[in-house]
Amino acid sequence: MISIKELKELDEQATPGPWKLGDKGYDFEENIIEGRLHALGECSPKRDYSYGMGTCCANAYTVITLRNSLPQIIERLEDAEELRESVLKNEYIHQHKLAVKQEKKWGDK
């Protein structure tokens, strides 16, 4: 699995968004996935795709959606990681307190 650090690097290196699915026509030059004038691919019903038009456009939409959402995805992953670390820290503190309490109890006997 890719790390949060690697996702941040990809986000910084990629063409800034927002990306969109071109809707100006069906020719290669016009109906493309655009990221500020950078073409990623083509989604045109005039082409004969072996995977079918639905798959081509679904793939394009997936790439666009993930690219546009990447900053928010990273932020949520960081929040989840912070929460995980906090829970682990609190569990450690709780277990330590229980151990100290138990040690005192056994020491009194």
C-alpha atoms as a PDB file:
ATOM      1  CA  MET A   1       0.000   0.000   0.000  1.00  0.00           C
ATOM      2  CA  ILE A   2       1.187   3.500  -0.782  1.00  0.00           C
ATOM      3  CA  SER A   3       2.118   5.751   2.147  1.00  0.00           C
ATOM      4  CA  ILE A   4       0.655   9.147   2.958  1.00  0.00           C
ATOM      5  CA  LYS A   5       4.066  10.661   2.200  1.00  0.00           C
ATOM      6  CA  GLU A   6       4.050   9.089  -1.284  1.00  0.00           C
ATOM      7  CA  LEU A   7       0.498  10.326  -1.906  1.00  0.00           C
ATOM      8  CA  LYS A   8       1.590  13.855  -0.983  1.00  0.00           C
ATOM      9  CA  GLU A   9       4.518  13.610  -3.399  1.00  0.00           C
ATOM     10  CA  LEU A  10       2.215  12.434  -6.200  1.00  0.00           C
ATOM     11  CA  ASP A  11      -0.186  15.274  -5.428  1.00  0.00           C
ATOM     12  CA  GLU A  12       2.638  17.831  -5.611  1.00  0.00           C
ATOM     13  CA  GLN A  13       4.071  16.389  -8.842  1.00  0.00           C
ATOM     14  CA  ALA A  14       0.779  15.979 -10.713  1.00  0.00           C
ATOM     15  CA  THR A  15      -0.863  18.615 -12.840  1.00  0.00           C
ATOM     16  CA  PRO A  16      -2.958  20.791 -10.532  1.00  0.00           C
ATOM     17  CA  GLY A  17      -6.716  20.439 -10.739  1.00  0.00           C
ATOM     18  CA  PRO A  18      -9.475  20.727 -11.028  1.00  0.00           C
ATOM     19  CA  TRP A  19      -9.554  18.117 -13.733  1.00  0.00           C
ATOM     20  CA  LYS A  20     -12.651  17.539 -15.836  1.00  0.00           C
ATOM     21  CA  LEU A  21     -13.951  15.353 -18.608  1.00  0.00           C
ATOM     22  CA  GLY A  22     -13.911  17.345 -21.838  1.00  0.00           C
ATOM     23  CA  ASP A  23     -17.377  17.927 -23.269  1.00  0.00           C
ATOM     24  CA  LYS A  24     -16.702  19.920 -26.434  1.00  0.00           C
ATOM     25  CA  GLY A  25     -17.205  17.129 -28.920  1.00  0.00           C
ATOM     26  CA  TYR A  26     -16.148  13.677 -29.913  1.00  0.00           C
ATOM     27  CA  ASP A  27     -12.824  14.256 -31.611  1.00  0.00           C
ATOM     28  CA  PHE A  28      -9.581  13.313 -29.893  1.00  0.00           C
ATOM     29  CA  GLU A  29      -8.452  16.909 -29.543  1.00  0.00           C
ATOM     30  CA  GLU A  30     -11.704  18.085 -28.006  1.00  0.00           C
ATOM     31  CA  ASN A  31     -13.107  15.218 -25.965  1.00  0.00           C
ATOM     32  CA  ILE A  32     -10.256  14.459 -23.613  1.00  0.00           C
ATOM     33  CA  ILE A  33      -9.603  14.364 -19.927  1.00  0.00           C
ATOM     34  CA  GLU A  34      -8.137  17.743 -19.185  1.00  0.00           C
ATOM     35  CA  GLY A  35      -5.920  18.912 -16.375  1.00  0.00           C
ATOM     36  CA  ARG A  36      -5.212  22.495 -17.299  1.00  0.00           C
ATOM     37  CA  LEU A  37      -4.631  21.747 -20.968  1.00  0.00           C
ATOM     38  CA  HIS A  38      -2.752  18.499 -20.329  1.00  0.00           C
ATOM     39  CA  ALA A  39      -4.450  15.550 -21.988  1.00  0.00           C
ATOM     40  CA  LEU A  40      -4.515  12.344 -20.005  1.00  0.00           C
ATOM     41  CA  GLY A  41      -6.545  10.249 -22.390  1.00  0.00           C
ATOM     42  CA  GLU A  42      -9.503  10.091 -24.675  1.00  0.00           C
ATOM     43  CA  CYS A  43     -13.128   9.254 -24.129  1.00  0.00           C
ATOM     44  CA  SER A  44     -14.979   9.381 -27.421  1.00  0.00           C
ATOM     45  CA  PRO A  45     -17.933   7.360 -28.728  1.00  0.00           C
ATOM     46  CA  LYS A  46     -16.493   7.669 -32.254  1.00  0.00           C
ATOM     47  CA  ARG A  47     -13.618   5.320 -31.342  1.00  0.00           C
ATOM     48  CA  ASP A  48     -13.903   1.540 -31.342  1.00  0.00           C
ATOM     49  CA  TYR A  49     -12.703   0.499 -27.885  1.00  0.00           C
ATOM     50  CA  SER A  50     -12.172  -3.161 -27.113  1.00  0.00           C
ATOM     51  CA  TYR A  51     -13.303  -2.531 -23.524  1.00  0.00           C
ATOM     52  CA  GLY A  52     -16.368  -0.574 -24.594  1.00  0.00           C
ATOM     53  CA  MET A  53     -17.281   3.061 -24.247  1.00  0.00           C
ATOM     54  CA  GLY A  54     -18.744   2.602 -20.775  1.00  0.00           C
ATOM     55  CA  THR A  55     -15.479   1.248 -19.402  1.00  0.00           C
ATOM     56  CA  CYS A  56     -13.426   3.997 -21.022  1.00  0.00           C
ATOM     57  CA  CYS A  57     -15.570   6.773 -19.597  1.00  0.00           C
ATOM     58  CA  ALA A  58     -15.840   5.051 -16.199  1.00  0.00           C
ATOM     59  CA  ASN A  59     -12.039   4.831 -16.035  1.00  0.00           C
ATOM     60  CA  ALA A  60     -11.699   8.472 -17.047  1.00  0.00           C
ATOM     61  CA  TYR A  61     -14.247   9.573 -14.453  1.00  0.00           C
ATOM     62  CA  THR A  62     -12.490   7.497 -11.759  1.00  0.00           C
ATOM     63  CA  VAL A  63      -9.089   9.055 -12.502  1.00  0.00           C
ATOM     64  CA  ILE A  64     -10.568  12.562 -12.542  1.00  0.00           C
ATOM     65  CA  THR A  65     -12.521  12.043  -9.309  1.00  0.00           C
ATOM     66  CA  LEU A  66      -9.542  10.596  -7.467  1.00  0.00           C
ATOM     67  CA  ARG A  67      -7.194  13.334  -8.688  1.00  0.00           C
ATOM     68  CA  ASN A  68      -9.584  16.096  -7.699  1.00  0.00           C
ATOM     69  CA  SER A  69     -10.222  14.444  -4.309  1.00  0.00           C
ATOM     70  CA  LEU A  70      -6.595  13.605  -3.505  1.00  0.00           C
ATOM     71  CA  PRO A  71      -5.935  16.571  -1.174  1.00  0.00           C
ATOM     72  CA  GLN A  72      -9.045  15.722   0.872  1.00  0.00           C
ATOM     73  CA  ILE A  73      -8.170  12.017   0.875  1.00  0.00           C
ATOM     74  CA  ILE A  74      -4.691  12.821   2.206  1.00  0.00           C
ATOM     75  CA  GLU A  75      -6.160  15.087   4.885  1.00  0.00           C
ATOM     76  CA  ARG A  76      -8.571  12.384   6.055  1.00  0.00           C
ATOM     77  CA  LEU A  77      -5.833   9.754   6.098  1.00  0.00           C
ATOM     78  CA  GLU A  78      -3.688  12.059   8.230  1.00  0.00           C
ATOM     79  CA  ASP A  79      -6.623  12.643  10.598  1.00  0.00           C
ATOM     80  CA  ALA A  80      -7.202   8.887  10.854  1.00  0.00           C
ATOM     81  CA  GLU A  81      -3.503   8.301  11.554  1.00  0.00           C
ATOM     82  CA  GLU A  82      -3.514  10.945  14.292  1.00  0.00           C
ATOM     83  CA  LEU A  83      -6.607   9.364  15.836  1.00  0.00           C
ATOM     84  CA  ARG A  84      -5.014   5.914  15.685  1.00  0.00           C
ATOM     85  CA  GLU A  85      -1.861   7.182  17.399  1.00  0.00           C
ATOM     86  CA  SER A  86      -3.949   8.917  20.063  1.00  0.00           C
ATOM     87  CA  VAL A  87      -5.961   5.760  20.749  1.00  0.00           C
ATOM     88  CA  LEU A  88      -2.802   3.672  20.996  1.00  0.00           C
ATOM     89  CA  LYS A  89      -1.202   6.208  23.324  1.00  0.00           C
ATOM     90  CA  ASN A  90      -4.299   6.332  25.538  1.00  0.00           C
ATOM     91  CA  GLU A  91      -4.474   2.534  25.622  1.00  0.00           C
ATOM     92  CA  TYR A  92      -0.806   2.386  26.631  1.00  0.00           C
ATOM     93  CA  ILE A  93      -1.396   4.930  29.413  1.00  0.00           C
ATOM     94  CA  HIS A  94      -4.467   3.017  30.603  1.00  0.00           C
ATOM     95  CA  GLN A  95      -2.600  -0.300  30.624  1.00  0.00           C
ATOM     96  CA  HIS A  96       0.322   1.312  32.461  1.00  0.00           C
ATOM     97  CA  LYS A  97      -2.000   2.732  35.133  1.00  0.00           C
ATOM     98  CA  LEU A  98      -3.639  -0.674  35.569  1.00  0.00           C
ATOM     99  CA  ALA A  99      -0.237  -2.313  35.909  1.00  0.00           C
ATOM    100  CA  VAL A 100       0.885   0.219  38.533  1.00  0.00           C
ATOM    101  CA  LYS A 101      -2.394  -0.211  40.424  1.00  0.00           C
ATOM    102  CA  GLN A 102      -2.068  -4.000  40.306  1.00  0.00           C
ATOM    103  CA  GLU A 103       1.559  -3.804  41.416  1.00  0.00           C
ATOM    104  CA  LYS A 104       0.591  -1.676  44.426  1.00  0.00           C
ATOM    105  CA  LYS A 105      -2.226  -4.066  45.270  1.00  0.00           C
ATOM    106  CA  TRP A 106       0.100  -7.063  45.147  1.00  0.00           C
ATOM    107  CA  GLY A 107       2.775  -5.174  47.063  1.00  0.00           C
ATOM    108  CA  ASP A 108       0.367  -4.570  49.942  1.00  0.00           C
ATOM    109  CA  LYS A 109      -0.176  -8.302  50.472  1.00  0.00           C
END
